[in-house]
All heavy atoms as atom14 arrays in JSON, in Angstrom:
{
  "sequence": "LAQEGITADELERTKVQLKSEHVMHGEGSASRMS",
  "atom14_mask": [
    [1, 1, 1, 1, 1, 1, 1, 1, 0, 0, 0, 0, 0, 0],
    [1, 1, 1, 1, 1, 0, 0, 0, 0, 0, 0, 0, 0, 0],
    [1, 1, 1, 1, 1, 1, 1, 1, 1, 0, 0, 0, 0, 0],
    [1, 1, 1, 1, 1, 1, 1, 1, 1, 0, 0, 0, 0, 0],
    [1, 1, 1, 1, 0, 0, 0, 0, 0, 0, 0, 0, 0, 0],
    [1, 1, 1, 1, 1, 1, 1, 1, 0, 0, 0, 0, 0, 0],
    [1, 1, 1, 1, 1, 1, 1, 0, 0, 0, 0, 0, 0, 0],
    [1, 1, 1, 1, 1, 0, 0, 0, 0, 0, 0, 0, 0, 0],
    [1, 1, 1, 1, 1, 1, 1, 1, 0, 0, 0, 0, 0, 0],
    [1, 1, 1, 1, 1, 1, 1, 1, 1, 0, 0, 0, 0, 0],
    [1, 1, 1, 1, 1, 1, 1, 1, 0, 0, 0, 0, 0, 0],
    [1, 1, 1, 1, 1, 1, 1, 1, 1, 0, 0, 0, 0, 0],
    [1, 1, 1, 1, 1, 1, 1, 1, 1, 1, 1, 0, 0, 0],
    [1, 1, 1, 1, 1, 1, 1, 0, 0, 0, 0, 0, 0, 0],
    [1, 1, 1, 1, 1, 1, 1, 1, 1, 0, 0, 0, 0, 0],
    [1, 1, 1, 1, 1, 1, 1, 0, 0, 0, 0, 0, 0, 0],
    [1, 1, 1, 1, 1, 1, 1, 1, 1, 0, 0, 0, 0, 0],
    [1, 1, 1, 1, 1, 1, 1, 1, 0, 0, 0, 0, 0, 0],
    [1, 1, 1, 1, 1, 1, 1, 1, 1, 0, 0, 0, 0, 0],
    [1, 1, 1, 1, 1, 1, 0, 0, 0, 0, 0, 0, 0, 0],
    [1, 1, 1, 1, 1, 1, 1, 1, 1, 0, 0, 0, 0, 0],
    [1, 1, 1, 1, 1, 1, 1, 1, 1, 1, 0, 0, 0, 0],
    [1, 1, 1, 1, 1, 1, 1, 0, 0, 0, 0, 0, 0, 0],
    [1, 1, 1, 1, 1, 1, 1, 1, 0, 0, 0, 0, 0, 0],
    [1, 1, 1, 1, 1, 1, 1, 1, 1, 1, 0, 0, 0, 0],
    [1, 1, 1, 1, 0, 0, 0, 0, 0, 0, 0, 0, 0, 0],
    [1, 1, 1, 1, 1, 1, 1, 1, 1, 0, 0, 0, 0, 0],
    [1, 1, 1, 1, 0, 0, 0, 0, 0, 0, 0, 0, 0, 0],
    [1, 1, 1, 1, 1, 1, 0, 0, 0, 0, 0, 0, 0, 0],
    [1, 1, 1, 1, 1, 0, 0, 0, 0, 0, 0, 0, 0, 0],
    [1, 1, 1, 1, 1, 1, 0, 0, 0, 0, 0, 0, 0, 0],
    [1, 1, 1, 1, 1, 1, 1, 1, 1, 1, 1, 0, 0, 0],
    [1, 1, 1, 1, 1, 1, 1, 1, 0, 0, 0, 0, 0, 0],
    [1, 1, 1, 1, 1, 1, 0, 0, 0, 0, 0, 0, 0, 0]
  ],
  "atom14_positions": [
    [[0.85, -1.2, 0.0], [-0.04, -0.05, -0.04], [0.85, 1.31, -0.04], [0.64, 2.26, -0.78], [-0.92, -0.06, 1.22], [-1.83, 1.2, 1.47], [-2.89, 1.23, 0.31], [-2.52, 1.06, 2.83], [0.0, 0.0, 0.0], [0.0, 0.0, 0.0], [0.0, 0.0, 0.0], [0.0, 0.0, 0.0], [0.0, 0.0, 0.0], [0.0, 0.0, 0.0]],
    [[1.92, 1.26, 0.87], [2.75, 2.43, 0.95], [3.5, 2.71, -0.38], [3.73, 3.87, -0.73], [3.81, 2.26, 2.1], [0.0, 0.0, 0.0], [0.0, 0.0, 0.0], [0.0, 0.0, 0.0], [0.0, 0.0, 0.0], [0.0, 0.0, 0.0], [0.0, 0.0, 0.0], [0.0, 0.0, 0.0], [0.0, 0.0, 0.0], [0.0, 0.0, 0.0]],
    [[3.91, 1.65, -1.09], [4.66, 1.75, -2.27], [3.81, 2.09, -3.51], [4.3, 2.88, -4.42], [5.51, 0.54, -2.46], [6.53, 0.31, -1.45], [7.09, -1.13, -1.5], [6.71, -1.96, -2.28], [7.96, -1.43, -0.56], [0.0, 0.0, 0.0], [0.0, 0.0, 0.0], [0.0, 0.0, 0.0], [0.0, 0.0, 0.0], [0.0, 0.0, 0.0]],
    [[2.64, 1.53, -3.57], [1.9, 1.58, -4.83], [0.57, 2.39, -4.78], [-0.13, 2.7, -5.68], [1.51, 0.17, -5.34], [2.77, -0.74, -5.54], [2.36, -2.11, -5.86], [1.16, -2.37, -6.11], [3.32, -2.99, -5.99], [0.0, 0.0, 0.0], [0.0, 0.0, 0.0], [0.0, 0.0, 0.0], [0.0, 0.0, 0.0], [0.0, 0.0, 0.0]],
    [[0.08, 2.7, -3.47], [-1.15, 3.32, -3.42], [-2.25, 2.37, -3.73], [-2.27, 1.24, -3.48], [0.0, 0.0, 0.0], [0.0, 0.0, 0.0], [0.0, 0.0, 0.0], [0.0, 0.0, 0.0], [0.0, 0.0, 0.0], [0.0, 0.0, 0.0], [0.0, 0.0, 0.0], [0.0, 0.0, 0.0], [0.0, 0.0, 0.0], [0.0, 0.0, 0.0]],
    [[-3.34, 2.94, -4.22], [-4.53, 2.08, -4.71], [-4.78, 2.31, -6.15], [-4.39, 3.31, -6.74], [-5.76, 2.45, -3.79], [-6.26, 3.89, -4.14], [-5.49, 2.28, -2.36], [-7.54, 4.27, -3.44], [0.0, 0.0, 0.0], [0.0, 0.0, 0.0], [0.0, 0.0, 0.0], [0.0, 0.0, 0.0], [0.0, 0.0, 0.0], [0.0, 0.0, 0.0]],
    [[-5.53, 1.4, -6.76], [-5.86, 1.42, -8.17], [-7.09, 2.41, -8.48], [-7.81, 2.75, -7.48], [-6.12, 0.06, -8.78], [-7.37, -0.45, -8.11], [-5.02, -0.92, -8.42], [0.0, 0.0, 0.0], [0.0, 0.0, 0.0], [0.0, 0.0, 0.0], [0.0, 0.0, 0.0], [0.0, 0.0, 0.0], [0.0, 0.0, 0.0], [0.0, 0.0, 0.0]],
    [[-7.19, 2.78, -9.63], [-8.34, 3.62, -9.97], [-9.62, 2.95, -9.78], [-10.63, 3.46, -9.35], [-8.14, 4.05, -11.45], [0.0, 0.0, 0.0], [0.0, 0.0, 0.0], [0.0, 0.0, 0.0], [0.0, 0.0, 0.0], [0.0, 0.0, 0.0], [0.0, 0.0, 0.0], [0.0, 0.0, 0.0], [0.0, 0.0, 0.0], [0.0, 0.0, 0.0]],
    [[-9.64, 1.61, -10.03], [-10.89, 0.82, -9.81], [-11.24, 0.74, -8.34], [-12.38, 0.96, -7.91], [-10.75, -0.62, -10.39], [-11.96, -1.42, -10.29], [-12.99, -1.06, -10.68], [-11.87, -2.51, -9.53], [0.0, 0.0, 0.0], [0.0, 0.0, 0.0], [0.0, 0.0, 0.0], [0.0, 0.0, 0.0], [0.0, 0.0, 0.0], [0.0, 0.0, 0.0]],
    [[-10.2, 0.55, -7.48], [-10.47, 0.54, -6.09], [-11.01, 1.87, -5.58], [-11.89, 1.93, -4.7], [-9.11, 0.17, -5.3], [-8.7, -1.25, -5.38], [-7.43, -1.54, -4.65], [-6.5, -0.64, -4.88], [-7.29, -2.62, -4.01], [0.0, 0.0, 0.0], [0.0, 0.0, 0.0], [0.0, 0.0, 0.0], [0.0, 0.0, 0.0], [0.0, 0.0, 0.0]],
    [[-10.43, 2.88, -6.11], [-10.88, 4.24, -5.71], [-12.29, 4.5, -5.98], [-13.08, 4.94, -5.22], [-9.95, 5.33, -6.38], [-10.31, 6.78, -6.05], [-10.25, 7.05, -4.57], [-9.44, 7.78, -6.81], [0.0, 0.0, 0.0], [0.0, 0.0, 0.0], [0.0, 0.0, 0.0], [0.0, 0.0, 0.0], [0.0, 0.0, 0.0], [0.0, 0.0, 0.0]],
    [[-12.71, 4.14, -7.22], [-14.1, 4.42, -7.56], [-15.05, 3.47, -6.79], [-16.09, 3.95, -6.43], [-14.19, 4.2, -9.15], [-13.51, 5.32, -9.92], [-13.82, 6.65, -9.5], [-15.07, 7.02, -9.41], [-12.94, 7.47, -9.25], [0.0, 0.0, 0.0], [0.0, 0.0, 0.0], [0.0, 0.0, 0.0], [0.0, 0.0, 0.0], [0.0, 0.0, 0.0]],
    [[-14.74, 2.28, -6.69], [-15.63, 1.35, -5.91], [-15.69, 1.7, -4.45], [-16.83, 1.64, -3.86], [-15.07, -0.17, -5.98], [-15.34, -0.78, -7.34], [-15.0, -2.22, -7.34], [-13.62, -2.55, -7.24], [-12.96, -3.03, -6.1], [-13.73, -3.23, -5.07], [-11.77, -3.26, -6.15], [0.0, 0.0, 0.0], [0.0, 0.0, 0.0], [0.0, 0.0, 0.0]],
    [[-14.63, 2.17, -3.87], [-14.66, 2.59, -2.54], [-15.45, 3.88, -2.3], [-16.18, 4.05, -1.25], [-13.24, 2.8, -1.91], [-12.52, 1.55, -2.07], [-13.24, 3.14, -0.52], [0.0, 0.0, 0.0], [0.0, 0.0, 0.0], [0.0, 0.0, 0.0], [0.0, 0.0, 0.0], [0.0, 0.0, 0.0], [0.0, 0.0, 0.0], [0.0, 0.0, 0.0]],
    [[-15.36, 4.78, -3.28], [-16.16, 6.04, -3.13], [-17.67, 5.65, -3.09], [-18.4, 6.21, -2.29], [-15.85, 6.95, -4.34], [-14.54, 7.67, -4.23], [-14.39, 8.64, -5.43], [-13.12, 9.42, -5.38], [-12.95, 10.28, -6.55], [0.0, 0.0, 0.0], [0.0, 0.0, 0.0], [0.0, 0.0, 0.0], [0.0, 0.0, 0.0], [0.0, 0.0, 0.0]],
    [[-18.02, 4.74, -4.0], [-19.5, 4.33, -4.04], [-19.94, 3.8, -2.62], [-20.93, 4.06, -2.17], [-19.74, 3.45, -5.21], [-21.14, 2.85, -5.09], [-19.54, 4.14, -6.53], [0.0, 0.0, 0.0], [0.0, 0.0, 0.0], [0.0, 0.0, 0.0], [0.0, 0.0, 0.0], [0.0, 0.0, 0.0], [0.0, 0.0, 0.0], [0.0, 0.0, 0.0]],
    [[-19.04, 2.83, -2.17], [-19.34, 2.19, -0.91], [-19.45, 3.17, 0.27], [-20.33, 3.0, 1.02], [-18.17, 1.09, -0.6], [-18.31, 0.41, 0.64], [-19.43, -0.56, 0.68], [-19.94, -0.98, -0.27], [-19.87, -0.96, 1.9], [0.0, 0.0, 0.0], [0.0, 0.0, 0.0], [0.0, 0.0, 0.0], [0.0, 0.0, 0.0], [0.0, 0.0, 0.0]],
    [[-18.49, 4.04, 0.32], [-18.48, 5.01, 1.49], [-19.64, 5.98, 1.42], [-20.28, 6.24, 2.4], [-17.14, 5.85, 1.51], [-15.88, 5.0, 1.92], [-14.6, 5.98, 1.75], [-16.04, 4.6, 3.33], [0.0, 0.0, 0.0], [0.0, 0.0, 0.0], [0.0, 0.0, 0.0], [0.0, 0.0, 0.0], [0.0, 0.0, 0.0], [0.0, 0.0, 0.0]],
    [[-19.97, 6.43, 0.22], [-21.15, 7.32, 0.08], [-22.42, 6.59, 0.41], [-23.31, 7.22, 1.1], [-21.13, 7.87, -1.32], [-20.14, 8.97, -1.6], [-20.28, 9.66, -2.94], [-20.08, 8.6, -4.1], [-20.14, 9.41, -5.41], [0.0, 0.0, 0.0], [0.0, 0.0, 0.0], [0.0, 0.0, 0.0], [0.0, 0.0, 0.0], [0.0, 0.0, 0.0]],
    [[-22.55, 5.35, 0.0], [-23.72, 4.54, 0.36], [-23.83, 4.43, 1.78], [-24.97, 4.53, 2.37], [-23.65, 3.23, -0.43], [-23.61, 3.42, -1.8], [0.0, 0.0, 0.0], [0.0, 0.0, 0.0], [0.0, 0.0, 0.0], [0.0, 0.0, 0.0], [0.0, 0.0, 0.0], [0.0, 0.0, 0.0], [0.0, 0.0, 0.0], [0.0, 0.0, 0.0]],
    [[-22.76, 4.1, 2.4], [-22.78, 3.76, 3.91], [-23.11, 5.12, 4.63], [-23.96, 5.07, 5.6], [-21.4, 3.38, 4.37], [-21.07, 1.89, 3.94], [-19.66, 1.55, 4.31], [-18.95, 2.47, 4.94], [-19.23, 0.45, 4.04], [0.0, 0.0, 0.0], [0.0, 0.0, 0.0], [0.0, 0.0, 0.0], [0.0, 0.0, 0.0], [0.0, 0.0, 0.0]],
    [[-22.62, 6.27, 4.15], [-22.83, 7.51, 4.81], [-24.3, 7.93, 4.74], [-24.92, 8.38, 5.61], [-21.98, 8.61, 4.2], [-22.05, 9.85, 5.04], [-21.45, 10.11, 6.27], [-22.66, 10.99, 4.76], [-21.7, 11.23, 6.75], [-22.4, 11.83, 5.81], [0.0, 0.0, 0.0], [0.0, 0.0, 0.0], [0.0, 0.0, 0.0], [0.0, 0.0, 0.0]],
    [[-24.87, 7.7, 3.47], [-26.3, 8.08, 3.3], [-27.13, 7.24, 4.18], [-28.15, 7.64, 4.79], [-26.62, 8.0, 1.86], [-28.21, 8.02, 1.63], [-26.01, 8.92, 1.02], [0.0, 0.0, 0.0], [0.0, 0.0, 0.0], [0.0, 0.0, 0.0], [0.0, 0.0, 0.0], [0.0, 0.0, 0.0], [0.0, 0.0, 0.0], [0.0, 0.0, 0.0]],
    [[-26.91, 5.86, 4.17], [-27.71, 4.99, 5.01], [-27.62, 5.31, 6.58], [-28.58, 5.36, 7.21], [-27.32, 3.45, 4.75], [-27.8, 3.0, 3.45], [-27.53, 1.21, 3.17], [-25.71, 1.15, 3.03], [0.0, 0.0, 0.0], [0.0, 0.0, 0.0], [0.0, 0.0, 0.0], [0.0, 0.0, 0.0], [0.0, 0.0, 0.0], [0.0, 0.0, 0.0]],
    [[-26.37, 5.64, 7.0], [-26.22, 5.98, 8.35], [-26.94, 7.26, 8.64], [-27.45, 7.46, 9.76], [-24.72, 6.11, 8.73], [-24.04, 4.81, 8.81], [-22.61, 4.73, 8.77], [-24.45, 3.56, 8.83], [-22.31, 3.51, 8.81], [-23.33, 2.73, 8.83], [0.0, 0.0, 0.0], [0.0, 0.0, 0.0], [0.0, 0.0, 0.0], [0.0, 0.0, 0.0]],
    [[-26.91, 8.15, 7.69], [-27.57, 9.56, 7.87], [-29.03, 9.38, 8.02], [-29.72, 10.35, 8.44], [0.0, 0.0, 0.0], [0.0, 0.0, 0.0], [0.0, 0.0, 0.0], [0.0, 0.0, 0.0], [0.0, 0.0, 0.0], [0.0, 0.0, 0.0], [0.0, 0.0, 0.0], [0.0, 0.0, 0.0], [0.0, 0.0, 0.0], [0.0, 0.0, 0.0]],
    [[-29.64, 8.28, 7.63], [-31.1, 8.16, 7.66], [-31.54, 7.89, 9.19], [-32.74, 8.04, 9.49], [-31.56, 6.96, 6.82], [-31.43, 7.24, 5.36], [-31.85, 6.06, 4.51], [-32.09, 4.97, 5.03], [-31.9, 6.25, 3.3], [0.0, 0.0, 0.0], [0.0, 0.0, 0.0], [0.0, 0.0, 0.0], [0.0, 0.0, 0.0], [0.0, 0.0, 0.0]],
    [[-30.58, 7.57, 10.03], [-30.9, 7.34, 11.49], [-30.59, 8.61, 12.18], [-29.55, 9.2, 12.16], [0.0, 0.0, 0.0], [0.0, 0.0, 0.0], [0.0, 0.0, 0.0], [0.0, 0.0, 0.0], [0.0, 0.0, 0.0], [0.0, 0.0, 0.0], [0.0, 0.0, 0.0], [0.0, 0.0, 0.0], [0.0, 0.0, 0.0], [0.0, 0.0, 0.0]],
    [[-31.5, 8.99, 13.11], [-31.44, 10.2, 13.89], [-30.22, 10.13, 14.83], [-29.4, 11.02, 14.96], [-32.66, 10.48, 14.76], [-33.7, 10.76, 13.85], [0.0, 0.0, 0.0], [0.0, 0.0, 0.0], [0.0, 0.0, 0.0], [0.0, 0.0, 0.0], [0.0, 0.0, 0.0], [0.0, 0.0, 0.0], [0.0, 0.0, 0.0], [0.0, 0.0, 0.0]],
    [[-29.97, 8.92, 15.4], [-28.84, 8.8, 16.29], [-27.42, 8.96, 15.6], [-26.58, 9.68, 16.17], [-28.91, 7.42, 16.99], [0.0, 0.0, 0.0], [0.0, 0.0, 0.0], [0.0, 0.0, 0.0], [0.0, 0.0, 0.0], [0.0, 0.0, 0.0], [0.0, 0.0, 0.0], [0.0, 0.0, 0.0], [0.0, 0.0, 0.0], [0.0, 0.0, 0.0]],
    [[-27.36, 8.42, 14.47], [-26.15, 8.52, 13.69], [-25.86, 9.95, 13.31], [-24.75, 10.46, 13.35], [-26.19, 7.53, 12.47], [-26.28, 6.28, 12.85], [0.0, 0.0, 0.0], [0.0, 0.0, 0.0], [0.0, 0.0, 0.0], [0.0, 0.0, 0.0], [0.0, 0.0, 0.0], [0.0, 0.0, 0.0], [0.0, 0.0, 0.0], [0.0, 0.0, 0.0]],
    [[-27.04, 10.55, 12.91], [-26.87, 12.01, 12.37], [-26.55, 12.87, 13.62], [-25.7, 13.79, 13.53], [-28.17, 12.46, 11.75], [-28.14, 13.87, 11.17], [-27.18, 13.8, 9.95], [-26.83, 15.12, 9.5], [-25.54, 15.46, 9.16], [-24.57, 14.66, 9.23], [-25.35, 16.67, 8.77], [0.0, 0.0, 0.0], [0.0, 0.0, 0.0], [0.0, 0.0, 0.0]],
    [[-27.03, 12.59, 14.74], [-26.72, 13.4, 15.91], [-25.26, 13.28, 16.33], [-24.6, 14.21, 16.66], [-27.62, 12.91, 17.07], [-27.44, 13.62, 18.41], [-28.29, 12.79, 19.76], [-27.48, 11.26, 19.86], [0.0, 0.0, 0.0], [0.0, 0.0, 0.0], [0.0, 0.0, 0.0], [0.0, 0.0, 0.0], [0.0, 0.0, 0.0], [0.0, 0.0, 0.0]],
    [[-24.74, 12.01, 16.25], [-23.39, 11.77, 16.59], [-22.41, 12.48, 15.53], [-21.4, 13.08, 15.95], [-23.11, 10.25, 16.51], [-23.83, 9.62, 17.52], [0.0, 0.0, 0.0], [0.0, 0.0, 0.0], [0.0, 0.0, 0.0], [0.0, 0.0, 0.0], [0.0, 0.0, 0.0], [0.0, 0.0, 0.0], [0.0, 0.0, 0.0], [0.0, 0.0, 0.0]]
  ]
}
């Protein structure tokens, strides 16, 4: 990881994953409050 970083494919897939997780967590009042 330190030497090569991440691939373009990993970057795009991870962005989709993180945004999806964030939106779903944001639907809960407790998560949004935190």
